[in-house]
Structure formats: structure tokens, C-alpha cells
Amino acid sequence: MSGIQWDESFSTNNPEIDAQHKKWINMYNELHETLLHGNMKQLSQITLETLQSIQDYAHYHFSFEEEYMKSINYPNIVEHKRLHKDFDTQIYELNRDVREGRTVLGTKIIKIMKNWIIDHILNADKQYAEFVQGN
């Protein structure tokens, strides 16, 4: 599985949200590199730290994005917030499993992250971007 490269297809036409999405992509790419080429002795600790950073950033980003959706009166905000909650739960569970010493495959973490970033930005986030353009 490869890293993610930002291109304009990811743009929501909101510079702040695009910058936050670029940060998500950078966090994913760093995790991807660590899991592929990191020090195996420190892998569990690095994974734990990275998952915590991802979860912390998710709270910040989701809060910002949800406030933005409120400000534009986005009609599908409830469904969008549910997607955010579901992802937060997934990351929390992965984080808990690593903390409790359960084996979590790096490929599982990478797959969840990559699918989330690409699918969420290109589908769910594009919907509110299209809503703004249509109004």
C-alpha cells in the first residue's frame, strides 16, 4: 500500500479545511513510513503515539468541520457527524488494543486510515463543498 499524494481532487474549496486535510494526509504518510520502515523494537510505542495524535487531531478537525457545516446550514450534518463518530470509535478501539498489548497489524491501521481519508474527503466532504457551490 502506498502513501497518499494531495491533488486538487481532494479540495473542498475551503482553504482551512483543505489545509487540515493535507495535515491528515501527512499524518497518514508518516504512519505509513513508520510501519513500513520503522524500528521494530519501538513499533508498538510509535504506533501508540501516532494513533493518539491521529485521534487528537480528529477531535480538532471534526469539531472545526462540524462548526463550518453549521455555519452553512448543511442539511446532511447529522449523517456527517455520525461518520466522524464512527471513525473516532475505530481509532479509539485500535488505540486501546495497542495499549493493552493486543496485536494490531500495521497493515490494518494503514488500510483503515487510507480508506477513511480517501473515501471521507472525496465523498462525504465533497458533498458539503458541492452544497456550498450550489447556494
Protein backbone atom coordinates (compact mmCIF):
# COMPACT_ATOMS: atom_id res chain seq x y z
CA MET A 1 0.00 0.00 0.00
CA SER A 2 1.41 3.38 -0.94
CA GLY A 3 1.27 6.83 0.56
CA ILE A 4 -1.33 9.42 -0.38
CA GLN A 5 -0.42 12.41 -2.52
CA TRP A 6 -2.59 15.54 -2.29
CA ASP A 7 -4.10 16.71 -5.53
CA GLU A 8 -6.91 19.10 -6.37
CA SER A 9 -9.49 16.30 -6.44
CA PHE A 10 -9.30 16.43 -2.61
CA SER A 11 -10.10 20.14 -2.44
CA THR A 12 -13.27 21.29 -0.70
CA ASN A 13 -12.67 24.87 -1.90
CA ASN A 14 -12.24 25.86 1.74
CA PRO A 15 -8.57 26.75 2.36
CA GLU A 16 -8.65 25.99 6.11
CA ILE A 17 -10.32 22.60 5.69
CA ASP A 18 -8.01 21.77 2.78
CA ALA A 19 -5.01 22.61 4.99
CA GLN A 20 -6.39 20.33 7.70
CA HIS A 21 -6.94 17.54 5.17
CA LYS A 22 -3.34 17.97 3.99
CA LYS A 23 -2.24 17.54 7.60
CA TRP A 24 -4.33 14.31 7.78
CA ILE A 25 -2.57 13.06 4.67
CA ASN A 26 0.83 13.93 6.13
CA MET A 27 -0.01 12.09 9.35
CA TYR A 28 -1.09 9.07 7.33
CA ASN A 29 2.10 9.17 5.23
CA GLU A 30 4.26 9.39 8.37
CA LEU A 31 2.44 6.44 9.92
CA HIS A 32 2.75 4.51 6.67
CA GLU A 33 6.52 5.12 6.54
CA THR A 34 6.96 4.22 10.21
CA LEU A 35 5.05 0.97 9.88
CA LEU A 36 6.95 0.02 6.74
CA HIS A 37 10.45 1.10 7.69
CA GLY A 38 10.42 1.88 11.41
CA ASN A 39 12.43 0.34 14.20
CA MET A 40 10.58 -2.89 15.00
CA LYS A 41 11.58 -2.73 18.68
CA GLN A 42 9.87 0.63 19.05
CA LEU A 43 6.98 -0.08 16.68
CA SER A 44 4.34 -0.56 19.37
CA GLN A 45 5.25 2.71 21.11
CA ILE A 46 5.44 4.64 17.84
CA THR A 47 2.10 3.18 16.73
CA LEU A 48 0.51 4.14 20.04
CA GLU A 49 1.84 7.69 19.87
CA THR A 50 0.73 8.08 16.27
CA LEU A 51 -2.75 6.70 16.92
CA GLN A 52 -3.12 9.13 19.84
CA SER A 53 -2.01 12.02 17.62
CA ILE A 54 -4.48 10.95 14.96
CA GLN A 55 -7.30 10.77 17.50
CA ASP A 56 -6.40 14.15 19.00
CA TYR A 57 -6.27 15.73 15.56
CA ALA A 58 -9.56 14.07 14.61
CA HIS A 59 -11.28 15.78 17.54
CA TYR A 60 -9.91 19.16 16.46
CA HIS A 61 -10.66 18.69 12.76
CA PHE A 62 -14.11 17.18 13.24
CA SER A 63 -15.12 19.99 15.59
CA PHE A 64 -13.93 22.60 13.10
CA GLU A 65 -15.64 20.89 10.18
CA GLU A 66 -18.90 20.44 12.08
CA GLU A 67 -18.95 24.13 13.04
CA TYR A 68 -18.36 25.01 9.41
CA MET A 69 -21.26 22.77 8.33
CA LYS A 70 -23.49 24.50 10.89
CA SER A 71 -22.45 27.90 9.56
CA ILE A 72 -23.50 26.96 6.01
CA ASN A 73 -26.71 25.23 7.18
CA TYR A 74 -25.60 21.98 5.63
CA PRO A 75 -28.68 19.72 5.56
CA ASN A 76 -26.79 16.42 6.00
CA ILE A 77 -24.83 17.45 9.08
CA VAL A 78 -26.29 14.70 11.30
CA GLU A 79 -25.19 11.95 8.92
CA HIS A 80 -21.77 13.56 8.51
CA LYS A 81 -21.30 13.80 12.27
CA ARG A 82 -22.15 10.08 12.53
CA LEU A 83 -19.31 9.30 10.10
CA HIS A 84 -16.97 11.32 12.33
CA LYS A 85 -18.14 9.47 15.44
CA ASP A 86 -17.72 6.07 13.76
CA PHE A 87 -14.14 6.89 12.75
CA ASP A 88 -13.33 8.20 16.22
CA THR A 89 -14.62 4.93 17.67
CA GLN A 90 -12.45 2.89 15.29
CA ILE A 91 -9.32 4.85 16.20
CA TYR A 92 -10.16 4.64 19.91
CA GLU A 93 -10.51 0.85 19.67
CA LEU A 94 -7.22 0.47 17.79
CA ASN A 95 -5.52 2.71 20.33
CA ARG A 96 -6.97 0.66 23.22
CA ASP A 97 -5.90 -2.62 21.62
CA VAL A 98 -2.31 -1.41 21.20
CA ARG A 99 -2.22 -0.01 24.78
CA GLU A 100 -3.50 -3.31 26.16
CA GLY A 101 -0.85 -5.27 24.29
CA ARG A 102 -3.12 -6.88 21.72
CA THR A 103 -1.51 -7.31 18.36
CA VAL A 104 -2.77 -4.84 15.82
CA LEU A 105 -1.32 -5.31 12.39
CA GLY A 106 0.17 -2.20 10.88
CA THR A 107 -1.49 -3.10 7.61
CA LYS A 108 -4.89 -2.97 9.34
CA ILE A 109 -4.18 0.51 10.71
CA ILE A 110 -2.90 1.72 7.35
CA LYS A 111 -5.90 0.31 5.50
CA ILE A 112 -8.40 1.92 7.88
CA MET A 113 -6.62 5.28 7.69
CA LYS A 114 -6.18 5.30 3.93
CA ASN A 115 -9.75 4.23 3.24
CA TRP A 116 -11.07 6.82 5.67
CA ILE A 117 -9.05 9.71 4.28
CA ILE A 118 -9.73 9.00 0.64
CA ASP A 119 -13.37 7.96 0.99
CA HIS A 120 -14.33 10.63 3.50
CA ILE A 121 -12.74 13.55 1.68
CA LEU A 122 -13.71 12.50 -1.84
CA ASN A 123 -17.26 11.52 -0.92
CA ALA A 124 -18.62 12.94 2.35
CA ASP A 125 -16.65 16.19 2.40
CA LYS A 126 -17.21 16.80 -1.29
CA GLN A 127 -20.95 16.76 -0.59
CA TYR A 128 -20.80 19.86 1.62
CA ALA A 129 -18.40 21.52 -0.84
CA GLU A 130 -20.94 20.93 -3.62
CA PHE A 131 -23.72 22.22 -1.34
CA VAL A 132 -21.80 25.49 -0.86
CA GLN A 133 -21.21 25.85 -4.60
CA GLY A 134 -24.89 25.22 -5.32
CA ASN A 135 -26.01 28.01 -2.98
